[in-house]
All heavy atoms as atom14 arrays in JSON, in Angstrom:
{
  "sequence": "SCDMADRLITLGTFSGGSPQDFINWAESEVVPSWMGHEWYGHYTFSGS",
  "atom14_mask": [
    [1, 1, 1, 1, 1, 1, 0, 0, 0, 0, 0, 0, 0, 0],
    [1, 1, 1, 1, 1, 1, 0, 0, 0, 0, 0, 0, 0, 0],
    [1, 1, 1, 1, 1, 1, 1, 1, 0, 0, 0, 0, 0, 0],
    [1, 1, 1, 1, 1, 1, 1, 1, 0, 0, 0, 0, 0, 0],
    [1, 1, 1, 1, 1, 0, 0, 0, 0, 0, 0, 0, 0, 0],
    [1, 1, 1, 1, 1, 1, 1, 1, 0, 0, 0, 0, 0, 0],
    [1, 1, 1, 1, 1, 1, 1, 1, 1, 1, 1, 0, 0, 0],
    [1, 1, 1, 1, 1, 1, 1, 1, 0, 0, 0, 0, 0, 0],
    [1, 1, 1, 1, 1, 1, 1, 1, 0, 0, 0, 0, 0, 0],
    [1, 1, 1, 1, 1, 1, 1, 0, 0, 0, 0, 0, 0, 0],
    [1, 1, 1, 1, 1, 1, 1, 1, 0, 0, 0, 0, 0, 0],
    [1, 1, 1, 1, 0, 0, 0, 0, 0, 0, 0, 0, 0, 0],
    [1, 1, 1, 1, 1, 1, 1, 0, 0, 0, 0, 0, 0, 0],
    [1, 1, 1, 1, 1, 1, 1, 1, 1, 1, 1, 0, 0, 0],
    [1, 1, 1, 1, 1, 1, 0, 0, 0, 0, 0, 0, 0, 0],
    [1, 1, 1, 1, 0, 0, 0, 0, 0, 0, 0, 0, 0, 0],
    [1, 1, 1, 1, 0, 0, 0, 0, 0, 0, 0, 0, 0, 0],
    [1, 1, 1, 1, 1, 1, 0, 0, 0, 0, 0, 0, 0, 0],
    [1, 1, 1, 1, 1, 1, 1, 0, 0, 0, 0, 0, 0, 0],
    [1, 1, 1, 1, 1, 1, 1, 1, 1, 0, 0, 0, 0, 0],
    [1, 1, 1, 1, 1, 1, 1, 1, 0, 0, 0, 0, 0, 0],
    [1, 1, 1, 1, 1, 1, 1, 1, 1, 1, 1, 0, 0, 0],
    [1, 1, 1, 1, 1, 1, 1, 1, 0, 0, 0, 0, 0, 0],
    [1, 1, 1, 1, 1, 1, 1, 1, 0, 0, 0, 0, 0, 0],
    [1, 1, 1, 1, 1, 1, 1, 1, 1, 1, 1, 1, 1, 1],
    [1, 1, 1, 1, 1, 0, 0, 0, 0, 0, 0, 0, 0, 0],
    [1, 1, 1, 1, 1, 1, 1, 1, 1, 0, 0, 0, 0, 0],
    [1, 1, 1, 1, 1, 1, 0, 0, 0, 0, 0, 0, 0, 0],
    [1, 1, 1, 1, 1, 1, 1, 1, 1, 0, 0, 0, 0, 0],
    [1, 1, 1, 1, 1, 1, 1, 0, 0, 0, 0, 0, 0, 0],
    [1, 1, 1, 1, 1, 1, 1, 0, 0, 0, 0, 0, 0, 0],
    [1, 1, 1, 1, 1, 1, 1, 0, 0, 0, 0, 0, 0, 0],
    [1, 1, 1, 1, 1, 1, 0, 0, 0, 0, 0, 0, 0, 0],
    [1, 1, 1, 1, 1, 1, 1, 1, 1, 1, 1, 1, 1, 1],
    [1, 1, 1, 1, 1, 1, 1, 1, 0, 0, 0, 0, 0, 0],
    [1, 1, 1, 1, 0, 0, 0, 0, 0, 0, 0, 0, 0, 0],
    [1, 1, 1, 1, 1, 1, 1, 1, 1, 1, 0, 0, 0, 0],
    [1, 1, 1, 1, 1, 1, 1, 1, 1, 0, 0, 0, 0, 0],
    [1, 1, 1, 1, 1, 1, 1, 1, 1, 1, 1, 1, 1, 1],
    [1, 1, 1, 1, 1, 1, 1, 1, 1, 1, 1, 1, 0, 0],
    [1, 1, 1, 1, 0, 0, 0, 0, 0, 0, 0, 0, 0, 0],
    [1, 1, 1, 1, 1, 1, 1, 1, 1, 1, 0, 0, 0, 0],
    [1, 1, 1, 1, 1, 1, 1, 1, 1, 1, 1, 1, 0, 0],
    [1, 1, 1, 1, 1, 1, 1, 0, 0, 0, 0, 0, 0, 0],
    [1, 1, 1, 1, 1, 1, 1, 1, 1, 1, 1, 0, 0, 0],
    [1, 1, 1, 1, 1, 1, 0, 0, 0, 0, 0, 0, 0, 0],
    [1, 1, 1, 1, 0, 0, 0, 0, 0, 0, 0, 0, 0, 0],
    [1, 1, 1, 1, 1, 1, 0, 0, 0, 0, 0, 0, 0, 0]
  ],
  "atom14_positions": [
    [[253.15, 70.48, -27.86], [253.75, 71.72, -28.34], [253.15, 72.17, -29.66], [253.24, 73.35, -30.02], [255.27, 71.55, -28.5], [255.57, 70.52, -29.43], [0.0, 0.0, 0.0], [0.0, 0.0, 0.0], [0.0, 0.0, 0.0], [0.0, 0.0, 0.0], [0.0, 0.0, 0.0], [0.0, 0.0, 0.0], [0.0, 0.0, 0.0], [0.0, 0.0, 0.0]],
    [[252.5, 71.25, -30.38], [251.85, 71.62, -31.65], [250.63, 72.5, -31.41], [250.07, 73.04, -32.38], [251.46, 70.37, -32.43], [252.88, 69.49, -33.12], [0.0, 0.0, 0.0], [0.0, 0.0, 0.0], [0.0, 0.0, 0.0], [0.0, 0.0, 0.0], [0.0, 0.0, 0.0], [0.0, 0.0, 0.0], [0.0, 0.0, 0.0], [0.0, 0.0, 0.0]],
    [[250.19, 72.65, -30.17], [249.14, 73.63, -29.87], [249.56, 75.02, -30.31], [248.72, 75.87, -30.64], [248.82, 73.64, -28.38], [247.83, 72.55, -27.98], [247.55, 71.66, -28.82], [247.34, 72.58, -26.84], [0.0, 0.0, 0.0], [0.0, 0.0, 0.0], [0.0, 0.0, 0.0], [0.0, 0.0, 0.0], [0.0, 0.0, 0.0], [0.0, 0.0, 0.0]],
    [[250.88, 75.28, -30.31], [251.37, 76.6, -30.72], [251.12, 76.86, -32.2], [251.15, 78.01, -32.63], [252.86, 76.72, -30.4], [253.17, 76.83, -28.92], [254.91, 77.27, -28.6], [255.73, 75.75, -29.1], [0.0, 0.0, 0.0], [0.0, 0.0, 0.0], [0.0, 0.0, 0.0], [0.0, 0.0, 0.0], [0.0, 0.0, 0.0], [0.0, 0.0, 0.0]],
    [[250.89, 75.8, -32.98], [250.6, 75.98, -34.4], [249.22, 76.58, -34.62], [248.91, 77.02, -35.74], [250.7, 74.64, -35.13], [0.0, 0.0, 0.0], [0.0, 0.0, 0.0], [0.0, 0.0, 0.0], [0.0, 0.0, 0.0], [0.0, 0.0, 0.0], [0.0, 0.0, 0.0], [0.0, 0.0, 0.0], [0.0, 0.0, 0.0], [0.0, 0.0, 0.0]],
    [[248.38, 76.62, -33.58], [247.04, 77.18, -33.7], [246.98, 78.63, -33.24], [245.9, 79.23, -33.27], [246.05, 76.34, -32.88], [245.97, 74.91, -33.37], [246.07, 74.72, -34.6], [245.8, 73.99, -32.56], [0.0, 0.0, 0.0], [0.0, 0.0, 0.0], [0.0, 0.0, 0.0], [0.0, 0.0, 0.0], [0.0, 0.0, 0.0], [0.0, 0.0, 0.0]],
    [[248.09, 79.19, -32.84], [248.13, 80.58, -32.42], [248.82, 81.39, -33.5], [249.88, 81.01, -34.0], [248.84, 80.72, -31.07], [248.24, 79.81, -30.0], [248.79, 80.11, -28.63], [248.37, 81.43, -28.19], [248.83, 82.0, -27.08], [249.73, 81.38, -26.34], [248.41, 83.2, -26.72], [0.0, 0.0, 0.0], [0.0, 0.0, 0.0], [0.0, 0.0, 0.0]],
    [[248.25, 82.5, -33.88], [248.6, 83.19, -35.12], [249.27, 84.54, -34.89], [248.86, 85.32, -34.04], [247.33, 83.39, -35.95], [247.5, 84.0, -37.35], [248.3, 83.07, -38.24], [246.12, 84.28, -37.95], [0.0, 0.0, 0.0], [0.0, 0.0, 0.0], [0.0, 0.0, 0.0], [0.0, 0.0, 0.0], [0.0, 0.0, 0.0], [0.0, 0.0, 0.0]],
    [[250.3, 84.79, -35.71], [250.88, 86.13, -35.86], [250.4, 86.62, -37.23], [250.86, 86.13, -38.27], [252.41, 86.09, -35.81], [252.89, 85.54, -34.46], [253.0, 87.48, -36.04], [254.4, 85.34, -34.39], [0.0, 0.0, 0.0], [0.0, 0.0, 0.0], [0.0, 0.0, 0.0], [0.0, 0.0, 0.0], [0.0, 0.0, 0.0], [0.0, 0.0, 0.0]],
    [[249.45, 87.54, -37.25], [248.89, 87.99, -38.53], [249.88, 88.85, -39.3], [250.1, 88.65, -40.49], [247.59, 88.78, -38.3], [247.87, 89.87, -37.39], [246.51, 87.9, -37.71], [0.0, 0.0, 0.0], [0.0, 0.0, 0.0], [0.0, 0.0, 0.0], [0.0, 0.0, 0.0], [0.0, 0.0, 0.0], [0.0, 0.0, 0.0], [0.0, 0.0, 0.0]],
    [[250.48, 89.82, -38.64], [251.48, 90.69, -39.25], [252.34, 91.28, -38.14], [251.85, 92.03, -37.3], [250.8, 91.81, -40.05], [251.73, 92.89, -40.62], [252.74, 92.26, -41.58], [250.94, 93.97, -41.32], [0.0, 0.0, 0.0], [0.0, 0.0, 0.0], [0.0, 0.0, 0.0], [0.0, 0.0, 0.0], [0.0, 0.0, 0.0], [0.0, 0.0, 0.0]],
    [[253.59, 90.9, -38.13], [254.49, 91.4, -37.1], [255.89, 91.6, -37.65], [256.32, 90.86, -38.54], [0.0, 0.0, 0.0], [0.0, 0.0, 0.0], [0.0, 0.0, 0.0], [0.0, 0.0, 0.0], [0.0, 0.0, 0.0], [0.0, 0.0, 0.0], [0.0, 0.0, 0.0], [0.0, 0.0, 0.0], [0.0, 0.0, 0.0], [0.0, 0.0, 0.0]],
    [[256.59, 92.59, -37.14], [257.94, 92.88, -37.59], [258.88, 92.82, -36.39], [258.74, 93.59, -35.44], [258.03, 94.26, -38.25], [257.14, 94.3, -39.37], [259.45, 94.53, -38.74], [0.0, 0.0, 0.0], [0.0, 0.0, 0.0], [0.0, 0.0, 0.0], [0.0, 0.0, 0.0], [0.0, 0.0, 0.0], [0.0, 0.0, 0.0], [0.0, 0.0, 0.0]],
    [[259.83, 91.89, -36.45], [260.85, 91.78, -35.42], [261.95, 92.79, -35.72], [262.51, 92.81, -36.81], [261.4, 90.35, -35.39], [262.52, 90.13, -34.43], [262.35, 90.4, -33.07], [263.75, 89.65, -34.87], [263.39, 90.2, -32.18], [264.79, 89.44, -33.98], [264.6, 89.71, -32.63], [0.0, 0.0, 0.0], [0.0, 0.0, 0.0], [0.0, 0.0, 0.0]],
    [[262.26, 93.63, -34.76], [263.21, 94.71, -34.99], [264.66, 94.27, -34.83], [265.57, 95.08, -35.07], [262.92, 95.87, -34.01], [263.01, 95.41, -32.66], [0.0, 0.0, 0.0], [0.0, 0.0, 0.0], [0.0, 0.0, 0.0], [0.0, 0.0, 0.0], [0.0, 0.0, 0.0], [0.0, 0.0, 0.0], [0.0, 0.0, 0.0], [0.0, 0.0, 0.0]],
    [[264.89, 93.01, -34.47], [266.26, 92.52, -34.33], [266.62, 92.3, -32.87], [266.0, 92.84, -31.96], [0.0, 0.0, 0.0], [0.0, 0.0, 0.0], [0.0, 0.0, 0.0], [0.0, 0.0, 0.0], [0.0, 0.0, 0.0], [0.0, 0.0, 0.0], [0.0, 0.0, 0.0], [0.0, 0.0, 0.0], [0.0, 0.0, 0.0], [0.0, 0.0, 0.0]],
    [[267.65, 91.5, -32.66], [268.09, 91.21, -31.3], [268.57, 89.78, -31.18], [268.86, 89.1, -32.18], [0.0, 0.0, 0.0], [0.0, 0.0, 0.0], [0.0, 0.0, 0.0], [0.0, 0.0, 0.0], [0.0, 0.0, 0.0], [0.0, 0.0, 0.0], [0.0, 0.0, 0.0], [0.0, 0.0, 0.0], [0.0, 0.0, 0.0], [0.0, 0.0, 0.0]],
    [[268.65, 89.29, -29.96], [269.13, 87.94, -29.69], [268.02, 86.92, -29.96], [266.84, 87.28, -30.04], [269.59, 87.83, -28.24], [268.46, 87.92, -27.36], [0.0, 0.0, 0.0], [0.0, 0.0, 0.0], [0.0, 0.0, 0.0], [0.0, 0.0, 0.0], [0.0, 0.0, 0.0], [0.0, 0.0, 0.0], [0.0, 0.0, 0.0], [0.0, 0.0, 0.0]],
    [[268.36, 85.62, -30.07], [267.32, 84.59, -30.21], [266.32, 84.61, -29.06], [265.12, 84.38, -29.28], [268.13, 83.29, -30.23], [269.44, 83.69, -30.85], [269.71, 85.06, -30.29], [0.0, 0.0, 0.0], [0.0, 0.0, 0.0], [0.0, 0.0, 0.0], [0.0, 0.0, 0.0], [0.0, 0.0, 0.0], [0.0, 0.0, 0.0], [0.0, 0.0, 0.0]],
    [[266.78, 84.89, -27.83], [265.84, 84.98, -26.72], [264.91, 86.17, -26.89], [263.71, 86.09, -26.57], [266.59, 85.1, -25.39], [265.69, 85.04, -24.16], [264.95, 83.72, -24.04], [265.55, 82.66, -23.99], [263.62, 83.79, -23.98], [0.0, 0.0, 0.0], [0.0, 0.0, 0.0], [0.0, 0.0, 0.0], [0.0, 0.0, 0.0], [0.0, 0.0, 0.0]],
    [[265.43, 87.27, -27.43], [264.57, 88.43, -27.73], [263.5, 88.05, -28.75], [262.35, 88.48, -28.65], [265.4, 89.6, -28.27], [266.32, 90.19, -27.22], [266.0, 90.09, -26.02], [267.36, 90.76, -27.6], [0.0, 0.0, 0.0], [0.0, 0.0, 0.0], [0.0, 0.0, 0.0], [0.0, 0.0, 0.0], [0.0, 0.0, 0.0], [0.0, 0.0, 0.0]],
    [[263.89, 87.24, -29.73], [262.94, 86.82, -30.76], [261.82, 85.98, -30.14], [260.65, 86.14, -30.47], [263.65, 86.02, -31.85], [262.73, 85.55, -32.94], [262.5, 86.34, -34.05], [262.1, 84.32, -32.85], [261.65, 85.91, -35.06], [261.25, 83.88, -33.85], [261.02, 84.67, -34.96], [0.0, 0.0, 0.0], [0.0, 0.0, 0.0], [0.0, 0.0, 0.0]],
    [[262.17, 85.05, -29.24], [261.16, 84.22, -28.59], [260.18, 85.08, -27.82], [258.96, 84.9, -27.92], [261.85, 83.19, -27.66], [262.64, 82.17, -28.49], [260.81, 82.47, -26.8], [263.45, 81.19, -27.66], [0.0, 0.0, 0.0], [0.0, 0.0, 0.0], [0.0, 0.0, 0.0], [0.0, 0.0, 0.0], [0.0, 0.0, 0.0], [0.0, 0.0, 0.0]],
    [[260.7, 86.03, -27.07], [259.82, 86.92, -26.3], [258.93, 87.75, -27.22], [257.74, 87.96, -26.93], [260.67, 87.83, -25.4], [261.49, 87.05, -24.39], [261.15, 85.91, -24.05], [262.56, 87.64, -23.92], [0.0, 0.0, 0.0], [0.0, 0.0, 0.0], [0.0, 0.0, 0.0], [0.0, 0.0, 0.0], [0.0, 0.0, 0.0], [0.0, 0.0, 0.0]],
    [[259.51, 88.23, -28.32], [258.74, 89.04, -29.26], [257.62, 88.23, -29.89], [256.48, 88.69, -29.98], [259.66, 89.58, -30.36], [258.91, 90.16, -31.51], [258.38, 91.42, -31.62], [258.56, 89.48, -32.73], [257.73, 91.56, -32.82], [257.82, 90.39, -33.52], [258.79, 88.2, -33.22], [257.33, 90.05, -34.77], [258.3, 87.85, -34.46], [257.58, 88.78, -35.23]],
    [[257.92, 87.02, -30.37], [256.92, 86.2, -31.05], [255.74, 85.88, -30.12], [254.57, 85.93, -30.54], [257.56, 84.91, -31.56], [0.0, 0.0, 0.0], [0.0, 0.0, 0.0], [0.0, 0.0, 0.0], [0.0, 0.0, 0.0], [0.0, 0.0, 0.0], [0.0, 0.0, 0.0], [0.0, 0.0, 0.0], [0.0, 0.0, 0.0], [0.0, 0.0, 0.0]],
    [[256.03, 85.57, -28.88], [254.96, 85.26, -27.94], [254.07, 86.48, -27.69], [252.87, 86.34, -27.48], [255.56, 84.75, -26.63], [256.22, 83.38, -26.76], [256.95, 82.94, -25.51], [257.22, 83.83, -24.65], [257.26, 81.76, -25.38], [0.0, 0.0, 0.0], [0.0, 0.0, 0.0], [0.0, 0.0, 0.0], [0.0, 0.0, 0.0], [0.0, 0.0, 0.0]],
    [[254.65, 87.67, -27.74], [253.87, 88.88, -27.5], [253.07, 89.31, -28.73], [252.15, 90.12, -28.62], [254.79, 90.03, -27.08], [255.65, 90.41, -28.16], [0.0, 0.0, 0.0], [0.0, 0.0, 0.0], [0.0, 0.0, 0.0], [0.0, 0.0, 0.0], [0.0, 0.0, 0.0], [0.0, 0.0, 0.0], [0.0, 0.0, 0.0], [0.0, 0.0, 0.0]],
    [[253.42, 88.77, -29.93], [252.77, 89.17, -31.17], [251.54, 88.33, -31.51], [250.84, 88.63, -32.47], [253.77, 89.09, -32.33], [254.76, 90.22, -32.37], [254.11, 91.57, -32.65], [253.26, 91.65, -33.56], [254.45, 92.54, -31.96], [0.0, 0.0, 0.0], [0.0, 0.0, 0.0], [0.0, 0.0, 0.0], [0.0, 0.0, 0.0], [0.0, 0.0, 0.0]],
    [[251.29, 87.27, -30.76], [250.14, 86.41, -31.05], [248.86, 87.21, -30.87], [248.64, 87.86, -29.84], [250.14, 85.17, -30.14], [248.85, 84.38, -30.31], [251.35, 84.29, -30.43], [0.0, 0.0, 0.0], [0.0, 0.0, 0.0], [0.0, 0.0, 0.0], [0.0, 0.0, 0.0], [0.0, 0.0, 0.0], [0.0, 0.0, 0.0], [0.0, 0.0, 0.0]],
    [[247.99, 87.16, -31.89], [246.74, 87.93, -31.82], [245.72, 87.16, -30.99], [245.64, 85.93, -31.06], [246.17, 88.19, -33.22], [247.11, 89.06, -34.02], [245.9, 86.89, -33.96], [0.0, 0.0, 0.0], [0.0, 0.0, 0.0], [0.0, 0.0, 0.0], [0.0, 0.0, 0.0], [0.0, 0.0, 0.0], [0.0, 0.0, 0.0], [0.0, 0.0, 0.0]],
    [[244.95, 87.86, -30.17], [243.9, 87.18, -29.39], [242.74, 86.79, -30.29], [242.52, 87.37, -31.35], [243.49, 88.23, -28.36], [243.79, 89.53, -29.03], [245.01, 89.31, -29.88], [0.0, 0.0, 0.0], [0.0, 0.0, 0.0], [0.0, 0.0, 0.0], [0.0, 0.0, 0.0], [0.0, 0.0, 0.0], [0.0, 0.0, 0.0], [0.0, 0.0, 0.0]],
    [[242.01, 85.78, -29.84], [240.8, 85.4, -30.56], [239.79, 86.52, -30.47], [239.76, 87.29, -29.52], [240.21, 84.12, -29.94], [238.9, 83.9, -30.39], [0.0, 0.0, 0.0], [0.0, 0.0, 0.0], [0.0, 0.0, 0.0], [0.0, 0.0, 0.0], [0.0, 0.0, 0.0], [0.0, 0.0, 0.0], [0.0, 0.0, 0.0], [0.0, 0.0, 0.0]],
    [[238.94, 86.65, -31.49], [237.89, 87.66, -31.45], [236.98, 87.46, -30.25], [236.42, 88.39, -29.7], [237.06, 87.6, -32.74], [237.76, 88.23, -33.9], [239.06, 88.67, -33.94], [237.22, 88.48, -35.19], [239.36, 89.18, -35.17], [238.24, 89.08, -35.98], [235.97, 88.27, -35.78], [238.06, 89.45, -37.28], [235.79, 88.64, -37.09], [236.82, 89.23, -37.83]],
    [[236.86, 86.2, -29.85], [236.02, 85.91, -28.69], [236.74, 86.2, -27.38], [236.13, 86.26, -26.33], [235.6, 84.43, -28.7], [234.71, 84.04, -29.87], [233.07, 84.76, -29.75], [232.43, 83.84, -28.37], [0.0, 0.0, 0.0], [0.0, 0.0, 0.0], [0.0, 0.0, 0.0], [0.0, 0.0, 0.0], [0.0, 0.0, 0.0], [0.0, 0.0, 0.0]],
    [[238.06, 86.37, -27.47], [238.84, 86.62, -26.27], [239.38, 85.31, -25.71], [238.68, 84.31, -25.64], [0.0, 0.0, 0.0], [0.0, 0.0, 0.0], [0.0, 0.0, 0.0], [0.0, 0.0, 0.0], [0.0, 0.0, 0.0], [0.0, 0.0, 0.0], [0.0, 0.0, 0.0], [0.0, 0.0, 0.0], [0.0, 0.0, 0.0], [0.0, 0.0, 0.0]],
    [[240.65, 85.31, -25.32], [241.27, 84.1, -24.81], [240.63, 83.61, -23.52], [240.76, 82.45, -23.16], [242.77, 84.33, -24.58], [243.58, 84.26, -25.84], [243.3, 83.37, -26.85], [244.66, 84.96, -26.25], [244.18, 83.52, -27.83], [245.01, 84.5, -27.48], [0.0, 0.0, 0.0], [0.0, 0.0, 0.0], [0.0, 0.0, 0.0], [0.0, 0.0, 0.0]],
    [[239.94, 84.51, -22.81], [239.35, 84.07, -21.55], [238.25, 83.03, -21.77], [237.85, 82.33, -20.84], [238.79, 85.29, -20.78], [237.62, 85.99, -21.46], [238.07, 87.04, -22.47], [239.28, 87.12, -22.71], [237.21, 87.76, -22.98], [0.0, 0.0, 0.0], [0.0, 0.0, 0.0], [0.0, 0.0, 0.0], [0.0, 0.0, 0.0], [0.0, 0.0, 0.0]],
    [[237.78, 82.91, -23.0], [236.75, 81.91, -23.29], [237.35, 80.52, -23.44], [236.63, 79.53, -23.41], [236.0, 82.28, -24.57], [235.1, 83.45, -24.41], [235.43, 84.77, -24.52], [233.7, 83.43, -24.08], [234.34, 85.57, -24.3], [233.26, 84.77, -24.03], [232.78, 82.41, -23.83], [231.95, 85.11, -23.74], [231.47, 82.74, -23.55], [231.07, 84.09, -23.5]],
    [[238.66, 80.46, -23.64], [239.3, 79.18, -23.9], [240.34, 78.88, -22.82], [241.0, 79.77, -22.31], [240.0, 79.2, -25.27], [239.07, 79.52, -26.42], [238.97, 80.82, -26.91], [238.3, 78.53, -27.0], [238.12, 81.12, -27.97], [237.45, 78.82, -28.05], [237.36, 80.1, -28.53], [236.52, 80.39, -29.58], [0.0, 0.0, 0.0], [0.0, 0.0, 0.0]],
    [[240.48, 77.6, -22.52], [241.47, 77.19, -21.54], [242.79, 76.84, -22.19], [243.31, 75.74, -21.98], [0.0, 0.0, 0.0], [0.0, 0.0, 0.0], [0.0, 0.0, 0.0], [0.0, 0.0, 0.0], [0.0, 0.0, 0.0], [0.0, 0.0, 0.0], [0.0, 0.0, 0.0], [0.0, 0.0, 0.0], [0.0, 0.0, 0.0], [0.0, 0.0, 0.0]],
    [[243.33, 77.72, -23.04], [244.54, 77.4, -23.78], [245.73, 77.28, -22.82], [245.77, 77.91, -21.76], [244.82, 78.45, -24.84], [245.26, 79.77, -24.28], [244.39, 80.7, -23.78], [246.5, 80.3, -24.14], [245.06, 81.75, -23.35], [246.34, 81.53, -23.55], [0.0, 0.0, 0.0], [0.0, 0.0, 0.0], [0.0, 0.0, 0.0], [0.0, 0.0, 0.0]],
    [[246.71, 76.48, -23.23], [247.92, 76.31, -22.43], [248.96, 77.36, -22.82], [248.99, 77.83, -23.95], [248.5, 74.9, -22.64], [247.56, 73.79, -22.25], [247.44, 72.64, -23.02], [246.79, 73.88, -21.09], [246.58, 71.61, -22.65], [245.93, 72.87, -20.72], [245.83, 71.73, -21.5], [244.97, 70.73, -21.14], [0.0, 0.0, 0.0], [0.0, 0.0, 0.0]],
    [[249.8, 77.7, -21.89], [250.87, 78.66, -22.14], [252.2, 77.91, -22.23], [252.44, 76.95, -21.5], [250.94, 79.71, -21.03], [251.14, 79.06, -19.76], [249.65, 80.51, -20.98], [0.0, 0.0, 0.0], [0.0, 0.0, 0.0], [0.0, 0.0, 0.0], [0.0, 0.0, 0.0], [0.0, 0.0, 0.0], [0.0, 0.0, 0.0], [0.0, 0.0, 0.0]],
    [[253.04, 78.37, -23.15], [254.33, 77.72, -23.39], [255.45, 78.72, -23.13], [255.3, 79.93, -23.34], [254.41, 77.22, -24.84], [253.41, 76.15, -25.15], [252.1, 76.48, -25.51], [253.76, 74.81, -25.08], [251.17, 75.5, -25.79], [252.83, 73.83, -25.37], [251.54, 74.17, -25.72], [0.0, 0.0, 0.0], [0.0, 0.0, 0.0], [0.0, 0.0, 0.0]],
    [[256.58, 78.2, -22.7], [257.75, 79.04, -22.47], [258.92, 78.48, -23.25], [259.04, 77.25, -23.43], [258.1, 79.11, -20.98], [258.41, 77.81, -20.48], [0.0, 0.0, 0.0], [0.0, 0.0, 0.0], [0.0, 0.0, 0.0], [0.0, 0.0, 0.0], [0.0, 0.0, 0.0], [0.0, 0.0, 0.0], [0.0, 0.0, 0.0], [0.0, 0.0, 0.0]],
    [[259.78, 79.36, -23.74], [260.93, 78.93, -24.53], [262.19, 79.67, -24.14], [262.13, 80.75, -23.54], [0.0, 0.0, 0.0], [0.0, 0.0, 0.0], [0.0, 0.0, 0.0], [0.0, 0.0, 0.0], [0.0, 0.0, 0.0], [0.0, 0.0, 0.0], [0.0, 0.0, 0.0], [0.0, 0.0, 0.0], [0.0, 0.0, 0.0], [0.0, 0.0, 0.0]],
    [[263.32, 79.1, -24.5], [264.6, 79.73, -24.19], [265.62, 79.37, -25.27], [265.41, 78.44, -26.06], [265.13, 79.27, -22.82], [265.46, 77.89, -22.85], [0.0, 0.0, 0.0], [0.0, 0.0, 0.0], [0.0, 0.0, 0.0], [0.0, 0.0, 0.0], [0.0, 0.0, 0.0], [0.0, 0.0, 0.0], [0.0, 0.0, 0.0], [0.0, 0.0, 0.0]]
  ]
}
């Protein structure tokens, strides 16, 4: 799960909502690598 520490939110503003809304928002705010994620076999994580 520490792989998630390597994925970055450079600047994002959560507009408010439930904790589940926050999880969904944070995952959508991760910036892609300049090289593009398709170059890497990164794992995907889900939360609730």
